[in-house]
PDB file of N, CA and C in Angstrom:
ATOM      1  N   MET A   1      17.297   1.225  -5.027  1.00  0.00           N
ATOM      2  CA  MET A   1      15.880   0.938  -4.955  1.00  0.00           C
ATOM      3  C   MET A   1      15.243   1.812  -3.865  1.00  0.00           C
ATOM      4  N   THR A   2      14.107   2.413  -4.173  1.00  0.00           N
ATOM      5  CA  THR A   2      13.428   3.272  -3.209  1.00  0.00           C
ATOM      6  C   THR A   2      12.565   2.443  -2.263  1.00  0.00           C
ATOM      7  N   ARG A   3      12.386   2.991  -1.083  1.00  0.00           N
ATOM      8  CA  ARG A   3      11.544   2.315  -0.098  1.00  0.00           C
ATOM      9  C   ARG A   3      10.086   2.392  -0.524  1.00  0.00           C
ATOM     10  N   PRO A   4       9.304   1.368  -0.182  1.00  0.00           N
ATOM     11  CA  PRO A   4       7.877   1.415  -0.538  1.00  0.00           C
ATOM     12  C   PRO A   4       7.136   2.487   0.257  1.00  0.00           C
ATOM     13  N   ARG A   5       6.097   3.019  -0.335  1.00  0.00           N
ATOM     14  CA  ARG A   5       5.233   3.981   0.352  1.00  0.00           C
ATOM     15  C   ARG A   5       4.421   3.229   1.388  1.00  0.00           C
ATOM     16  N   ARG A   6       4.339   3.795   2.565  1.00  0.00           N
ATOM     17  CA  ARG A   6       3.567   3.169   3.643  1.00  0.00           C
ATOM     18  C   ARG A   6       2.121   3.634   3.544  1.00  0.00           C
ATOM     19  N   VAL A   7       1.200   2.664   3.611  1.00  0.00           N
ATOM     20  CA  VAL A   7      -0.218   2.949   3.409  1.00  0.00           C
ATOM     21  C   VAL A   7      -1.011   2.492   4.628  1.00  0.00           C
ATOM     22  N   LEU A   8      -1.887   3.357   5.105  1.00  0.00           N
ATOM     23  CA  LEU A   8      -2.839   3.021   6.153  1.00  0.00           C
ATOM     24  C   LEU A   8      -4.222   3.066   5.514  1.00  0.00           C
ATOM     25  N   ILE A   9      -4.914   1.961   5.522  1.00  0.00           N
ATOM     26  CA  ILE A   9      -6.242   1.870   4.911  1.00  0.00           C
ATOM     27  C   ILE A   9      -7.273   2.307   5.949  1.00  0.00           C
ATOM     28  N   VAL A  10      -8.124   3.275   5.572  1.00  0.00           N
ATOM     29  CA  VAL A  10      -9.127   3.796   6.494  1.00  0.00           C
ATOM     30  C   VAL A  10     -10.492   3.784   5.812  1.00  0.00           C
ATOM     31  N   ASP A  11     -11.414   3.043   6.398  1.00  0.00           N
ATOM     32  CA  ASP A  11     -12.798   3.022   5.922  1.00  0.00           C
ATOM     33  C   ASP A  11     -13.644   2.414   7.027  1.00  0.00           C
ATOM     34  N   ASP A  12     -14.876   2.874   7.155  1.00  0.00           N
ATOM     35  CA  ASP A  12     -15.727   2.344   8.216  1.00  0.00           C
ATOM     36  C   ASP A  12     -16.307   0.971   7.882  1.00  0.00           C
ATOM     37  N   SER A  13     -16.175   0.544   6.647  1.00  0.00           N
ATOM     38  CA  SER A  13     -16.694  -0.753   6.224  1.00  0.00           C
ATOM     39  C   SER A  13     -15.557  -1.775   6.143  1.00  0.00           C
ATOM     40  N   SER A  14     -15.696  -2.872   6.885  1.00  0.00           N
ATOM     41  CA  SER A  14     -14.658  -3.911   6.836  1.00  0.00           C
ATOM     42  C   SER A  14     -14.580  -4.538   5.449  1.00  0.00           C
ATOM     43  N   THR A  15     -15.708  -4.613   4.761  1.00  0.00           N
ATOM     44  CA  THR A  15     -15.713  -5.158   3.398  1.00  0.00           C
ATOM     45  C   THR A  15     -14.895  -4.275   2.468  1.00  0.00           C
ATOM     46  N   MET A  16     -15.069  -2.954   2.572  1.00  0.00           N
ATOM     47  CA  MET A  16     -14.302  -2.039   1.726  1.00  0.00           C
ATOM     48  C   MET A  16     -12.826  -2.078   2.072  1.00  0.00           C
ATOM     49  N   ARG A  17     -12.494  -2.164   3.357  1.00  0.00           N
ATOM     50  CA  ARG A  17     -11.078  -2.260   3.735  1.00  0.00           C
ATOM     51  C   ARG A  17     -10.451  -3.507   3.111  1.00  0.00           C
ATOM     52  N   LYS A  18     -11.183  -4.608   3.121  1.00  0.00           N
ATOM     53  CA  LYS A  18     -10.675  -5.846   2.532  1.00  0.00           C
ATOM     54  C   LYS A  18     -10.484  -5.697   1.018  1.00  0.00           C
ATOM     55  N   LEU A  19     -11.439  -5.062   0.345  1.00  0.00           N
ATOM     56  CA  LEU A  19     -11.328  -4.852  -1.100  1.00  0.00           C
ATOM     57  C   LEU A  19     -10.150  -3.929  -1.435  1.00  0.00           C
ATOM     58  N   ILE A  20      -9.991  -2.883  -0.663  1.00  0.00           N
ATOM     59  CA  ILE A  20      -8.872  -1.956  -0.888  1.00  0.00           C
ATOM     60  C   ILE A  20      -7.552  -2.683  -0.676  1.00  0.00           C
ATOM     61  N   ARG A  21      -7.453  -3.455   0.409  1.00  0.00           N
ATOM     62  CA  ARG A  21      -6.231  -4.219   0.688  1.00  0.00           C
ATOM     63  C   ARG A  21      -5.916  -5.161  -0.473  1.00  0.00           C
ATOM     64  N   THR A  22      -6.930  -5.874  -0.946  1.00  0.00           N
ATOM     65  CA  THR A  22      -6.740  -6.815  -2.047  1.00  0.00           C
ATOM     66  C   THR A  22      -6.221  -6.096  -3.291  1.00  0.00           C
ATOM     67  N   GLY A  23      -6.759  -4.914  -3.548  1.00  0.00           N
ATOM     68  CA  GLY A  23      -6.324  -4.151  -4.719  1.00  0.00           C
ATOM     69  C   GLY A  23      -4.906  -3.620  -4.605  1.00  0.00           C
ATOM     70  N   LEU A  24      -4.458  -3.338  -3.390  1.00  0.00           N
ATOM     71  CA  LEU A  24      -3.140  -2.734  -3.201  1.00  0.00           C
ATOM     72  C   LEU A  24      -2.025  -3.746  -2.943  1.00  0.00           C
ATOM     73  N   GLU A  25      -2.368  -4.926  -2.452  1.00  0.00           N
ATOM     74  CA  GLU A  25      -1.347  -5.891  -2.043  1.00  0.00           C
ATOM     75  C   GLU A  25      -0.394  -6.300  -3.165  1.00  0.00           C
ATOM     76  N   GLY A  26      -0.844  -6.293  -4.382  1.00  0.00           N
ATOM     77  CA  GLY A  26       0.010  -6.723  -5.481  1.00  0.00           C
ATOM     78  C   GLY A  26       1.046  -5.700  -5.919  1.00  0.00           C
ATOM     79  N   ASP A  27       0.969  -4.495  -5.407  1.00  0.00           N
ATOM     80  CA  ASP A  27       1.884  -3.427  -5.812  1.00  0.00           C
ATOM     81  C   ASP A  27       3.080  -3.389  -4.863  1.00  0.00           C
ATOM     82  N   ASN A  28       4.233  -3.784  -5.352  1.00  0.00           N
ATOM     83  CA  ASN A  28       5.421  -3.845  -4.494  1.00  0.00           C
ATOM     84  C   ASN A  28       5.978  -2.462  -4.149  1.00  0.00           C
ATOM     85  N   ARG A  29       5.382  -1.405  -4.686  1.00  0.00           N
ATOM     86  CA  ARG A  29       5.788  -0.043  -4.323  1.00  0.00           C
ATOM     87  C   ARG A  29       5.101   0.424  -3.056  1.00  0.00           C
ATOM     88  N   LEU A  30       4.151  -0.395  -2.552  1.00  0.00           N
ATOM     89  CA  LEU A  30       3.368  -0.022  -1.382  1.00  0.00           C
ATOM     90  C   LEU A  30       3.564  -1.024  -0.258  1.00  0.00           C
ATOM     91  N   GLU A  31       3.537  -0.523   0.964  1.00  0.00           N
ATOM     92  CA  GLU A  31       3.586  -1.360   2.154  1.00  0.00           C
ATOM     93  C   GLU A  31       2.365  -1.021   3.006  1.00  0.00           C
ATOM     94  N   ILE A  32       1.442  -1.954   3.142  1.00  0.00           N
ATOM     95  CA  ILE A  32       0.249  -1.731   3.946  1.00  0.00           C
ATOM     96  C   ILE A  32       0.640  -1.927   5.405  1.00  0.00           C
ATOM     97  N   VAL A  33       0.531  -0.856   6.178  1.00  0.00           N
ATOM     98  CA  VAL A  33       0.986  -0.899   7.568  1.00  0.00           C
ATOM     99  C   VAL A  33      -0.151  -1.086   8.563  1.00  0.00           C
ATOM    100  N   GLY A  34      -1.382  -0.981   8.091  1.00  0.00           N
ATOM    101  CA  GLY A  34      -2.497  -1.186   9.006  1.00  0.00           C
ATOM    102  C   GLY A  34      -3.821  -0.804   8.398  1.00  0.00           C
ATOM    103  N   GLU A  35      -4.861  -1.040   9.194  1.00  0.00           N
ATOM    104  CA  GLU A  35      -6.218  -0.689   8.806  1.00  0.00           C
ATOM    105  C   GLU A  35      -6.904  -0.031   9.999  1.00  0.00           C
ATOM    106  N   ALA A  36      -7.734   0.948   9.702  1.00  0.00           N
ATOM    107  CA  ALA A  36      -8.489   1.633  10.749  1.00  0.00           C
ATOM    108  C   ALA A  36      -9.931   1.799  10.281  1.00  0.00           C
ATOM    109  N   SER A  37     -10.854   1.743  11.235  1.00  0.00           N
ATOM    110  CA  SER A  37     -12.269   1.851  10.886  1.00  0.00           C
ATOM    111  C   SER A  37     -12.824   3.257  11.085  1.00  0.00           C
ATOM    112  N   SER A  38     -11.978   4.168  11.582  1.00  0.00           N
ATOM    113  CA  SER A  38     -12.432   5.555  11.753  1.00  0.00           C
ATOM    114  C   SER A  38     -11.233   6.495  11.660  1.00  0.00           C
ATOM    115  N   ALA A  39     -11.543   7.764  11.444  1.00  0.00           N
ATOM    116  CA  ALA A  39     -10.475   8.761  11.379  1.00  0.00           C
ATOM    117  C   ALA A  39      -9.752   8.864  12.717  1.00  0.00           C
ATOM    118  N   ARG A  40     -10.488   8.732  13.796  1.00  0.00           N
ATOM    119  CA  ARG A  40      -9.873   8.795  15.129  1.00  0.00           C
ATOM    120  C   ARG A  40      -8.880   7.647  15.320  1.00  0.00           C
ATOM    121  N   ASP A  41      -9.289   6.425  14.948  1.00  0.00           N
ATOM    122  CA  ASP A  41      -8.387   5.275  15.044  1.00  0.00           C
ATOM    123  C   ASP A  41      -7.160   5.473  14.153  1.00  0.00           C
ATOM    124  N   ALA A  42      -7.369   6.011  12.951  1.00  0.00           N
ATOM    125  CA  ALA A  42      -6.261   6.255  12.021  1.00  0.00           C
ATOM    126  C   ALA A  42      -5.279   7.248  12.616  1.00  0.00           C
ATOM    127  N   ARG A  43      -5.795   8.321  13.194  1.00  0.00           N
ATOM    128  CA  ARG A  43      -4.927   9.328  13.809  1.00  0.00           C
ATOM    129  C   ARG A  43      -4.095   8.739  14.931  1.00  0.00           C
ATOM    130  N   ASP A  44      -4.725   7.899  15.758  1.00  0.00           N
ATOM    131  CA  ASP A  44      -3.999   7.256  16.856  1.00  0.00           C
ATOM    132  C   ASP A  44      -2.926   6.322  16.320  1.00  0.00           C
ATOM    133  N   MET A  45      -3.222   5.613  15.238  1.00  0.00           N
ATOM    134  CA  MET A  45      -2.233   4.700  14.654  1.00  0.00           C
ATOM    135  C   MET A  45      -1.057   5.475  14.074  1.00  0.00           C
ATOM    136  N   VAL A  46      -1.328   6.590  13.426  1.00  0.00           N
ATOM    137  CA  VAL A  46      -0.252   7.407  12.845  1.00  0.00           C
ATOM    138  C   VAL A  46       0.641   7.960  13.954  1.00  0.00           C
ATOM    139  N   ARG A  47       0.042   8.396  15.025  1.00  0.00           N
ATOM    140  CA  ARG A  47       0.825   8.924  16.152  1.00  0.00           C
ATOM    141  C   ARG A  47       1.698   7.858  16.782  1.00  0.00           C
ATOM    142  N   ALA A  48       1.181   6.619  16.827  1.00  0.00           N
ATOM    143  CA  ALA A  48       1.940   5.517  17.446  1.00  0.00           C
ATOM    144  C   ALA A  48       3.057   5.114  16.515  1.00  0.00           C
TER     145      ALA A  48
END
């Protein structure tokens, strides 16, 4: 069995992040590792 793809959700709208998360959560091929509200926050999360 292959490992799930790690996903970082990035959008400036909390509503859109929630909708994206809801759409992706049912897919067992994906692992949601976090959410970021800006590209800068996303970059910092990826580095960490």
